[in-house]
Amino acid sequence: MPIASLMLCQDVGAESTAGTEKMVKEARETIEATKEYTVQQKEAIERKAHDELAALQRQIVELRGKVTKASDTTRAELQKSLHEIEKKKDGAKERLDELKGATDAKWHEVQEGMTTALNELKQSYQKLLSHLP
């Protein structure tokens, strides 16, 4: 009987080791899949932010042309607002650069800053646009 018990314990030990190895392998695969998803998500957000910033840059160029056609008194005020928009655009560009260089662990935090900067830029653009003649 002692030999049979010993063989049974060895079988249980082998199954336990195989089960543990399987769980470790599955955990590694899950971690890798999560990392890959995070990288893909980060890249998609970077592309979207880059595209939005480029579109806003084109709109700002159009605004410059419209500001030059405004009356002298209005033009000074509009140019001041345009200058503020340019500063916000530069800030959003800096946030985009930070986002591109952010580590996987830190990019969510940087992404929030990027989103806020783009939203503020859009709001300033719309405000200036509403003051144009």
C-alpha atoms as a PDB file:
ATOM      1  CA  MET A   1       0.000   0.000   0.000  1.00  0.00           C
ATOM      2  CA  PRO A   2       2.680   2.542   0.719  1.00  0.00           C
ATOM      3  CA  ILE A   3       3.996   2.234  -2.853  1.00  0.00           C
ATOM      4  CA  ALA A   4       0.528   2.794  -4.341  1.00  0.00           C
ATOM      5  CA  SER A   5       0.045   5.870  -2.163  1.00  0.00           C
ATOM      6  CA  LEU A   6       3.412   7.235  -3.223  1.00  0.00           C
ATOM      7  CA  MET A   7       2.565   6.761  -6.915  1.00  0.00           C
ATOM      8  CA  LEU A   8      -0.788   8.482  -6.408  1.00  0.00           C
ATOM      9  CA  CYS A   9       0.919  11.450  -4.748  1.00  0.00           C
ATOM     10  CA  GLN A  10       3.397  11.708  -7.627  1.00  0.00           C
ATOM     11  CA  ASP A  11       0.546  11.768 -10.147  1.00  0.00           C
ATOM     12  CA  VAL A  12      -1.237  14.501  -8.202  1.00  0.00           C
ATOM     13  CA  GLY A  13       2.020  16.455  -7.971  1.00  0.00           C
ATOM     14  CA  ALA A  14       2.588  16.150 -11.734  1.00  0.00           C
ATOM     15  CA  GLU A  15      -0.967  17.301 -12.458  1.00  0.00           C
ATOM     16  CA  SER A  16      -0.545  20.202 -10.055  1.00  0.00           C
ATOM     17  CA  THR A  17       2.711  21.289 -11.724  1.00  0.00           C
ATOM     18  CA  ALA A  18       1.159  21.006 -15.183  1.00  0.00           C
ATOM     19  CA  GLY A  19      -1.859  23.001 -14.018  1.00  0.00           C
ATOM     20  CA  THR A  20       0.347  25.685 -12.526  1.00  0.00           C
ATOM     21  CA  GLU A  21       2.421  25.931 -15.693  1.00  0.00           C
ATOM     22  CA  LYS A  22      -0.769  26.268 -17.734  1.00  0.00           C
ATOM     23  CA  MET A  23      -2.055  29.055 -15.469  1.00  0.00           C
ATOM     24  CA  VAL A  24       1.282  30.886 -15.667  1.00  0.00           C
ATOM     25  CA  LYS A  25       1.267  30.585 -19.467  1.00  0.00           C
ATOM     26  CA  GLU A  26      -2.314  31.873 -19.671  1.00  0.00           C
ATOM     27  CA  ALA A  27      -1.482  34.768 -17.344  1.00  0.00           C
ATOM     28  CA  ARG A  28       1.498  35.731 -19.504  1.00  0.00           C
ATOM     29  CA  GLU A  29      -0.649  35.588 -22.638  1.00  0.00           C
ATOM     30  CA  THR A  30      -3.272  37.778 -20.959  1.00  0.00           C
ATOM     31  CA  ILE A  31      -0.638  40.315 -19.914  1.00  0.00           C
ATOM     32  CA  GLU A  32       0.821  40.421 -23.425  1.00  0.00           C
ATOM     33  CA  ALA A  33      -2.634  40.825 -24.983  1.00  0.00           C
ATOM     34  CA  THR A  34      -3.383  43.664 -22.550  1.00  0.00           C
ATOM     35  CA  LYS A  35      -0.099  45.397 -23.366  1.00  0.00           C
ATOM     36  CA  GLU A  36      -0.774  45.066 -27.091  1.00  0.00           C
ATOM     37  CA  TYR A  37      -4.284  46.470 -26.668  1.00  0.00           C
ATOM     38  CA  THR A  38      -2.922  49.374 -24.633  1.00  0.00           C
ATOM     39  CA  VAL A  39      -0.336  50.177 -27.305  1.00  0.00           C
ATOM     40  CA  GLN A  40      -2.990  50.047 -30.029  1.00  0.00           C
ATOM     41  CA  GLN A  41      -5.305  52.257 -27.994  1.00  0.00           C
ATOM     42  CA  LYS A  42      -2.501  54.739 -27.329  1.00  0.00           C
ATOM     43  CA  GLU A  43      -1.579  54.888 -31.027  1.00  0.00           C
ATOM     44  CA  ALA A  44      -5.217  55.425 -32.038  1.00  0.00           C
ATOM     45  CA  ILE A  45      -5.593  58.300 -29.581  1.00  0.00           C
ATOM     46  CA  GLU A  46      -2.312  59.834 -30.789  1.00  0.00           C
ATOM     47  CA  ARG A  47      -3.500  59.674 -34.414  1.00  0.00           C
ATOM     48  CA  LYS A  48      -6.872  61.200 -33.538  1.00  0.00           C
ATOM     49  CA  ALA A  49      -5.271  64.014 -31.530  1.00  0.00           C
ATOM     50  CA  HIS A  50      -2.768  64.678 -34.327  1.00  0.00           C
ATOM     51  CA  ASP A  51      -5.559  64.838 -36.910  1.00  0.00           C
ATOM     52  CA  GLU A  52      -7.667  67.170 -34.750  1.00  0.00           C
ATOM     53  CA  LEU A  53      -4.694  69.439 -34.136  1.00  0.00           C
ATOM     54  CA  ALA A  54      -3.875  69.557 -37.857  1.00  0.00           C
ATOM     55  CA  ALA A  55      -7.501  70.424 -38.690  1.00  0.00           C
ATOM     56  CA  LEU A  56      -7.520  73.170 -36.085  1.00  0.00           C
ATOM     57  CA  GLN A  57      -4.251  74.535 -37.478  1.00  0.00           C
ATOM     58  CA  ARG A  58      -5.862  74.826 -40.913  1.00  0.00           C
ATOM     59  CA  GLN A  59      -8.863  76.591 -39.377  1.00  0.00           C
ATOM     60  CA  ILE A  60      -6.568  79.006 -37.536  1.00  0.00           C
ATOM     61  CA  VAL A  61      -4.868  79.894 -40.820  1.00  0.00           C
ATOM     62  CA  GLU A  62      -8.295  80.676 -42.294  1.00  0.00           C
ATOM     63  CA  LEU A  63      -9.110  82.795 -39.245  1.00  0.00           C
ATOM     64  CA  ARG A  64      -5.979  84.867 -39.770  1.00  0.00           C
ATOM     65  CA  GLY A  65      -7.227  85.798 -43.224  1.00  0.00           C
ATOM     66  CA  LYS A  66     -10.632  86.769 -41.878  1.00  0.00           C
ATOM     67  CA  VAL A  67      -9.105  88.831 -39.060  1.00  0.00           C
ATOM     68  CA  THR A  68      -7.100  90.906 -41.531  1.00  0.00           C
ATOM     69  CA  LYS A  69     -10.350  91.863 -43.283  1.00  0.00           C
ATOM     70  CA  ALA A  70     -11.969  93.165 -40.095  1.00  0.00           C
ATOM     71  CA  SER A  71     -12.178  96.861 -39.241  1.00  0.00           C
ATOM     72  CA  ASP A  72      -9.229  98.444 -37.450  1.00  0.00           C
ATOM     73  CA  THR A  73     -10.950  98.541 -34.064  1.00  0.00           C
ATOM     74  CA  THR A  74     -12.218  94.984 -34.292  1.00  0.00           C
ATOM     75  CA  ARG A  75      -8.963  93.686 -35.761  1.00  0.00           C
ATOM     76  CA  ALA A  76      -6.895  94.564 -32.661  1.00  0.00           C
ATOM     77  CA  GLU A  77      -9.256  92.651 -30.381  1.00  0.00           C
ATOM     78  CA  LEU A  78      -9.485  89.693 -32.770  1.00  0.00           C
ATOM     79  CA  GLN A  79      -5.699  89.532 -33.145  1.00  0.00           C
ATOM     80  CA  LYS A  80      -5.367  89.355 -29.372  1.00  0.00           C
ATOM     81  CA  SER A  81      -7.809  86.424 -29.317  1.00  0.00           C
ATOM     82  CA  LEU A  82      -5.981  84.824 -32.236  1.00  0.00           C
ATOM     83  CA  HIS A  83      -2.715  85.123 -30.320  1.00  0.00           C
ATOM     84  CA  GLU A  84      -4.328  83.333 -27.355  1.00  0.00           C
ATOM     85  CA  ILE A  85      -5.536  80.588 -29.685  1.00  0.00           C
ATOM     86  CA  GLU A  86      -2.008  80.205 -31.057  1.00  0.00           C
ATOM     87  CA  LYS A  87      -0.694  79.774 -27.510  1.00  0.00           C
ATOM     88  CA  LYS A  88      -3.327  77.131 -26.793  1.00  0.00           C
ATOM     89  CA  LYS A  89      -2.464  75.384 -30.049  1.00  0.00           C
ATOM     90  CA  ASP A  90       1.202  75.315 -29.036  1.00  0.00           C
ATOM     91  CA  GLY A  91       0.182  73.916 -25.637  1.00  0.00           C
ATOM     92  CA  ALA A  92      -1.893  71.201 -27.303  1.00  0.00           C
ATOM     93  CA  LYS A  93       1.065  70.348 -29.559  1.00  0.00           C
ATOM     94  CA  GLU A  94       3.280  70.009 -26.473  1.00  0.00           C
ATOM     95  CA  ARG A  95       0.699  67.701 -24.895  1.00  0.00           C
ATOM     96  CA  LEU A  96       0.658  65.601 -28.056  1.00  0.00           C
ATOM     97  CA  ASP A  97       4.444  65.315 -27.910  1.00  0.00           C
ATOM     98  CA  GLU A  98       4.170  64.272 -24.248  1.00  0.00           C
ATOM     99  CA  LEU A  99       1.550  61.700 -25.198  1.00  0.00           C
ATOM    100  CA  LYS A 100       3.823  60.211 -27.834  1.00  0.00           C
ATOM    101  CA  GLY A 101       6.651  59.888 -25.327  1.00  0.00           C
ATOM    102  CA  ALA A 102       4.558  58.700 -22.375  1.00  0.00           C
ATOM    103  CA  THR A 103       5.131  55.286 -20.898  1.00  0.00           C
ATOM    104  CA  ASP A 104       2.298  52.798 -20.986  1.00  0.00           C
ATOM    105  CA  ALA A 105       1.704  53.330 -17.274  1.00  0.00           C
ATOM    106  CA  LYS A 106       1.528  57.133 -17.587  1.00  0.00           C
ATOM    107  CA  TRP A 107      -0.212  57.686 -20.921  1.00  0.00           C
ATOM    108  CA  HIS A 108      -3.784  57.757 -19.543  1.00  0.00           C
ATOM    109  CA  GLU A 109      -2.850  60.719 -17.372  1.00  0.00           C
ATOM    110  CA  VAL A 110      -1.155  62.498 -20.282  1.00  0.00           C
ATOM    111  CA  GLN A 111      -4.098  61.682 -22.545  1.00  0.00           C
ATOM    112  CA  GLU A 112      -6.459  63.528 -20.204  1.00  0.00           C
ATOM    113  CA  GLY A 113      -4.249  66.617 -20.464  1.00  0.00           C
ATOM    114  CA  MET A 114      -4.203  66.283 -24.247  1.00  0.00           C
ATOM    115  CA  THR A 115      -7.987  66.020 -24.406  1.00  0.00           C
ATOM    116  CA  THR A 116      -8.408  69.049 -22.139  1.00  0.00           C
ATOM    117  CA  ALA A 117      -5.957  71.118 -24.207  1.00  0.00           C
ATOM    118  CA  LEU A 118      -7.750  70.244 -27.468  1.00  0.00           C
ATOM    119  CA  ASN A 119     -11.155  71.042 -25.977  1.00  0.00           C
ATOM    120  CA  GLU A 120      -9.958  74.421 -24.724  1.00  0.00           C
ATOM    121  CA  LEU A 121      -8.466  75.171 -28.130  1.00  0.00           C
ATOM    122  CA  LYS A 122     -11.721  74.264 -29.873  1.00  0.00           C
ATOM    123  CA  GLN A 123     -13.736  76.435 -27.490  1.00  0.00           C
ATOM    124  CA  SER A 124     -11.431  79.411 -28.029  1.00  0.00           C
ATOM    125  CA  TYR A 125     -11.633  78.921 -31.784  1.00  0.00           C
ATOM    126  CA  GLN A 126     -15.442  78.842 -31.694  1.00  0.00           C
ATOM    127  CA  LYS A 127     -15.530  81.922 -29.465  1.00  0.00           C
ATOM    128  CA  LEU A 128     -13.312  83.892 -31.830  1.00  0.00           C
ATOM    129  CA  LEU A 129     -15.266  82.650 -34.837  1.00  0.00           C
ATOM    130  CA  SER A 130     -18.490  83.921 -33.253  1.00  0.00           C
ATOM    131  CA  HIS A 131     -16.957  87.436 -32.943  1.00  0.00           C
ATOM    132  CA  LEU A 132     -16.027  87.696 -36.599  1.00  0.00           C
ATOM    133  CA  PRO A 133     -18.117  90.025 -38.718  1.00  0.00           C
END
